[in-house]
Amino acid sequence: MKTKLVLGAVAAAVAVFTQGAFAQTSTSPSRAEVKAEAKHGALAPAGQGQVASQPSKASDKTRDERKATTKSDRSAGALKPAGEGAEMKDDKADRKKGGQVNRAERKASTKAAVKSRSTQPAGDSPQPAGEKPMK
């Protein structure tokens, strides 16, 4: 029993000391080398890890050019409304437009349909089969 205990202790001691020896064998860069890399921008900022190159957010147009473009788009009606309710505004505007027929044409076609009795009077809806009409 004592032999197992002694062998276990020796194995643990060897593992601890060899781990420290391996850590010391790797050469770390000197302070001057680290400073030189930092000046050249080779090192990533602390806590950032790998930084991927991102496209520039700077615009290639001047402010006056952007304002002129926006003004011409607004006068042409090509601007979309901004904000969360923009989609609802677009849907509402589309519904108000109606179809391709203007009001006068729609009234004329409805009047002709009523005259030829191809429409139902208001309030009369067809009854489902098998049901009695309400009294």
C-alpha atoms as a PDB file:
ATOM      1  CA  MET A   1       0.000   0.000   0.000  1.00  0.00           C
ATOM      2  CA  LYS A   2       2.855   2.335   0.839  1.00  0.00           C
ATOM      3  CA  THR A   3       4.455   1.605  -2.522  1.00  0.00           C
ATOM      4  CA  LYS A   4       1.389   2.776  -4.409  1.00  0.00           C
ATOM      5  CA  LEU A   5       1.248   5.955  -2.348  1.00  0.00           C
ATOM      6  CA  VAL A   6       4.933   6.710  -2.898  1.00  0.00           C
ATOM      7  CA  LEU A   7       4.697   6.010  -6.644  1.00  0.00           C
ATOM      8  CA  GLY A   8       1.615   8.244  -6.935  1.00  0.00           C
ATOM      9  CA  ALA A   9       3.398  11.082  -5.121  1.00  0.00           C
ATOM     10  CA  VAL A  10       6.482  10.717  -7.338  1.00  0.00           C
ATOM     11  CA  ALA A  11       4.343  10.742 -10.494  1.00  0.00           C
ATOM     12  CA  ALA A  12       2.518  13.895  -9.325  1.00  0.00           C
ATOM     13  CA  ALA A  13       5.800  15.651  -8.502  1.00  0.00           C
ATOM     14  CA  VAL A  14       7.283  14.751 -11.898  1.00  0.00           C
ATOM     15  CA  ALA A  15       4.168  16.057 -13.657  1.00  0.00           C
ATOM     16  CA  VAL A  16       4.292  19.380 -11.772  1.00  0.00           C
ATOM     17  CA  PHE A  17       7.984  20.014 -12.389  1.00  0.00           C
ATOM     18  CA  THR A  18       7.997  18.995 -16.043  1.00  0.00           C
ATOM     19  CA  GLN A  19       5.065  21.288 -16.781  1.00  0.00           C
ATOM     20  CA  GLY A  20       6.984  24.253 -15.369  1.00  0.00           C
ATOM     21  CA  ALA A  21      10.077  23.293 -17.323  1.00  0.00           C
ATOM     22  CA  PHE A  22       8.148  23.180 -20.611  1.00  0.00           C
ATOM     23  CA  ALA A  23       6.662  26.594 -19.918  1.00  0.00           C
ATOM     24  CA  GLN A  24      10.120  28.115 -19.449  1.00  0.00           C
ATOM     25  CA  THR A  25      11.601  26.691 -22.644  1.00  0.00           C
ATOM     26  CA  SER A  26       9.414  28.733 -25.006  1.00  0.00           C
ATOM     27  CA  THR A  27      10.961  32.098 -25.796  1.00  0.00           C
ATOM     28  CA  SER A  28       8.683  35.070 -25.294  1.00  0.00           C
ATOM     29  CA  PRO A  29       9.260  38.277 -27.221  1.00  0.00           C
ATOM     30  CA  SER A  30      11.137  41.032 -25.485  1.00  0.00           C
ATOM     31  CA  ARG A  31       9.473  44.268 -24.469  1.00  0.00           C
ATOM     32  CA  ALA A  32      11.169  46.149 -27.321  1.00  0.00           C
ATOM     33  CA  GLU A  33       9.827  43.654 -29.873  1.00  0.00           C
ATOM     34  CA  VAL A  34       6.288  43.977 -28.506  1.00  0.00           C
ATOM     35  CA  LYS A  35       6.500  47.792 -28.654  1.00  0.00           C
ATOM     36  CA  ALA A  36       7.760  47.686 -32.240  1.00  0.00           C
ATOM     37  CA  GLU A  37       4.866  45.422 -33.285  1.00  0.00           C
ATOM     38  CA  ALA A  38       2.369  47.709 -31.547  1.00  0.00           C
ATOM     39  CA  LYS A  39       3.713  50.772 -33.386  1.00  0.00           C
ATOM     40  CA  HIS A  40       3.309  49.059 -36.740  1.00  0.00           C
ATOM     41  CA  GLY A  41      -0.257  48.007 -35.881  1.00  0.00           C
ATOM     42  CA  ALA A  42       0.498  44.301 -36.113  1.00  0.00           C
ATOM     43  CA  LEU A  43      -1.068  43.593 -32.727  1.00  0.00           C
ATOM     44  CA  ALA A  44      -4.814  43.556 -32.210  1.00  0.00           C
ATOM     45  CA  PRO A  45      -6.243  45.898 -29.568  1.00  0.00           C
ATOM     46  CA  ALA A  46      -6.523  44.370 -26.121  1.00  0.00           C
ATOM     47  CA  GLY A  47      -9.632  42.227 -25.724  1.00  0.00           C
ATOM     48  CA  GLN A  48     -10.607  42.405 -29.377  1.00  0.00           C
ATOM     49  CA  GLY A  49      -9.056  39.264 -30.807  1.00  0.00           C
ATOM     50  CA  GLN A  50      -8.901  39.103 -34.600  1.00  0.00           C
ATOM     51  CA  VAL A  51     -10.235  42.237 -36.261  1.00  0.00           C
ATOM     52  CA  ALA A  52     -11.600  41.768 -39.762  1.00  0.00           C
ATOM     53  CA  SER A  53     -11.186  44.610 -42.195  1.00  0.00           C
ATOM     54  CA  GLN A  54     -14.510  46.388 -42.636  1.00  0.00           C
ATOM     55  CA  PRO A  55     -15.563  48.664 -45.453  1.00  0.00           C
ATOM     56  CA  SER A  56     -15.227  52.357 -44.840  1.00  0.00           C
ATOM     57  CA  LYS A  57     -18.327  54.110 -43.549  1.00  0.00           C
ATOM     58  CA  ALA A  58     -17.261  57.380 -45.115  1.00  0.00           C
ATOM     59  CA  SER A  59     -19.398  58.533 -48.021  1.00  0.00           C
ATOM     60  CA  ASP A  60     -17.931  59.358 -51.408  1.00  0.00           C
ATOM     61  CA  LYS A  61     -20.427  62.225 -51.833  1.00  0.00           C
ATOM     62  CA  THR A  62     -20.356  65.618 -50.207  1.00  0.00           C
ATOM     63  CA  ARG A  63     -23.198  66.844 -48.051  1.00  0.00           C
ATOM     64  CA  ASP A  64     -24.425  69.207 -50.764  1.00  0.00           C
ATOM     65  CA  GLU A  65     -24.516  66.364 -53.306  1.00  0.00           C
ATOM     66  CA  ARG A  66     -26.556  64.185 -50.936  1.00  0.00           C
ATOM     67  CA  LYS A  67     -28.969  67.041 -50.246  1.00  0.00           C
ATOM     68  CA  ALA A  68     -29.442  67.686 -53.976  1.00  0.00           C
ATOM     69  CA  THR A  69     -30.096  63.990 -54.634  1.00  0.00           C
ATOM     70  CA  THR A  70     -32.624  63.803 -51.806  1.00  0.00           C
ATOM     71  CA  LYS A  71     -34.382  66.941 -53.016  1.00  0.00           C
ATOM     72  CA  SER A  72     -34.735  65.582 -56.554  1.00  0.00           C
ATOM     73  CA  ASP A  73     -35.952  62.190 -55.238  1.00  0.00           C
ATOM     74  CA  ARG A  74     -38.528  63.925 -53.031  1.00  0.00           C
ATOM     75  CA  SER A  75     -39.891  65.963 -55.930  1.00  0.00           C
ATOM     76  CA  ALA A  76     -40.083  62.829 -58.088  1.00  0.00           C
ATOM     77  CA  GLY A  77     -41.871  60.916 -55.293  1.00  0.00           C
ATOM     78  CA  ALA A  78     -39.154  58.256 -55.116  1.00  0.00           C
ATOM     79  CA  LEU A  79     -38.471  58.621 -51.376  1.00  0.00           C
ATOM     80  CA  LYS A  80     -39.809  55.932 -49.097  1.00  0.00           C
ATOM     81  CA  PRO A  81     -41.133  56.942 -45.682  1.00  0.00           C
ATOM     82  CA  ALA A  82     -38.729  56.301 -42.822  1.00  0.00           C
ATOM     83  CA  GLY A  83     -39.428  54.627 -39.485  1.00  0.00           C
ATOM     84  CA  GLU A  84     -41.257  51.611 -38.183  1.00  0.00           C
ATOM     85  CA  GLY A  85     -44.625  52.495 -39.702  1.00  0.00           C
ATOM     86  CA  ALA A  86     -43.248  52.933 -43.224  1.00  0.00           C
ATOM     87  CA  GLU A  87     -44.598  49.595 -44.453  1.00  0.00           C
ATOM     88  CA  MET A  88     -48.051  50.315 -43.037  1.00  0.00           C
ATOM     89  CA  LYS A  89     -48.102  53.689 -44.788  1.00  0.00           C
ATOM     90  CA  ASP A  90     -47.157  52.054 -48.088  1.00  0.00           C
ATOM     91  CA  ASP A  91     -49.900  49.437 -47.704  1.00  0.00           C
ATOM     92  CA  LYS A  92     -52.476  52.093 -46.842  1.00  0.00           C
ATOM     93  CA  ALA A  93     -51.481  54.214 -49.835  1.00  0.00           C
ATOM     94  CA  ASP A  94     -51.762  51.191 -52.151  1.00  0.00           C
ATOM     95  CA  ARG A  95     -55.243  50.407 -50.862  1.00  0.00           C
ATOM     96  CA  LYS A  96     -56.395  54.001 -51.385  1.00  0.00           C
ATOM     97  CA  LYS A  97     -55.230  53.969 -54.987  1.00  0.00           C
ATOM     98  CA  GLY A  98     -57.810  51.359 -55.913  1.00  0.00           C
ATOM     99  CA  GLY A  99     -57.696  49.625 -59.238  1.00  0.00           C
ATOM    100  CA  GLN A 100     -56.859  50.922 -62.674  1.00  0.00           C
ATOM    101  CA  VAL A 101     -60.444  52.124 -63.204  1.00  0.00           C
ATOM    102  CA  ASN A 102     -61.387  55.631 -62.117  1.00  0.00           C
ATOM    103  CA  ARG A 103     -64.533  56.409 -60.169  1.00  0.00           C
ATOM    104  CA  ALA A 104     -66.657  57.483 -63.140  1.00  0.00           C
ATOM    105  CA  GLU A 105     -65.894  54.286 -65.058  1.00  0.00           C
ATOM    106  CA  ARG A 106     -66.636  52.164 -61.984  1.00  0.00           C
ATOM    107  CA  LYS A 107     -69.998  53.889 -61.460  1.00  0.00           C
ATOM    108  CA  ALA A 108     -70.927  53.413 -65.102  1.00  0.00           C
ATOM    109  CA  SER A 109     -70.116  49.696 -65.049  1.00  0.00           C
ATOM    110  CA  THR A 110     -72.053  49.211 -61.814  1.00  0.00           C
ATOM    111  CA  LYS A 111     -75.048  51.082 -63.206  1.00  0.00           C
ATOM    112  CA  ALA A 112     -74.989  48.891 -66.324  1.00  0.00           C
ATOM    113  CA  ALA A 113     -74.780  45.728 -64.189  1.00  0.00           C
ATOM    114  CA  VAL A 114     -77.759  46.823 -62.076  1.00  0.00           C
ATOM    115  CA  LYS A 115     -79.749  47.637 -65.186  1.00  0.00           C
ATOM    116  CA  SER A 116     -79.069  44.193 -66.648  1.00  0.00           C
ATOM    117  CA  ARG A 117     -79.906  42.620 -63.242  1.00  0.00           C
ATOM    118  CA  SER A 118     -76.591  40.792 -62.975  1.00  0.00           C
ATOM    119  CA  THR A 119     -76.019  42.090 -59.447  1.00  0.00           C
ATOM    120  CA  GLN A 120     -77.807  41.261 -56.214  1.00  0.00           C
ATOM    121  CA  PRO A 121     -79.629  43.891 -54.222  1.00  0.00           C
ATOM    122  CA  ALA A 122     -77.870  45.021 -51.072  1.00  0.00           C
ATOM    123  CA  GLY A 123     -78.519  42.808 -48.063  1.00  0.00           C
ATOM    124  CA  ASP A 124     -79.525  39.723 -50.025  1.00  0.00           C
ATOM    125  CA  SER A 125     -76.950  37.034 -49.738  1.00  0.00           C
ATOM    126  CA  PRO A 126     -77.342  33.512 -51.054  1.00  0.00           C
ATOM    127  CA  GLN A 127     -78.386  30.944 -48.465  1.00  0.00           C
ATOM    128  CA  PRO A 128     -76.201  27.888 -47.917  1.00  0.00           C
ATOM    129  CA  ALA A 129     -77.759  24.653 -49.102  1.00  0.00           C
ATOM    130  CA  GLY A 130     -79.933  22.900 -46.549  1.00  0.00           C
ATOM    131  CA  GLU A 131     -80.647  25.936 -44.372  1.00  0.00           C
ATOM    132  CA  LYS A 132     -83.980  27.633 -44.037  1.00  0.00           C
ATOM    133  CA  PRO A 133     -84.206  31.352 -44.603  1.00  0.00           C
ATOM    134  CA  MET A 134     -84.518  33.461 -41.499  1.00  0.00           C
ATOM    135  CA  LYS A 135     -87.926  34.996 -40.710  1.00  0.00           C
END
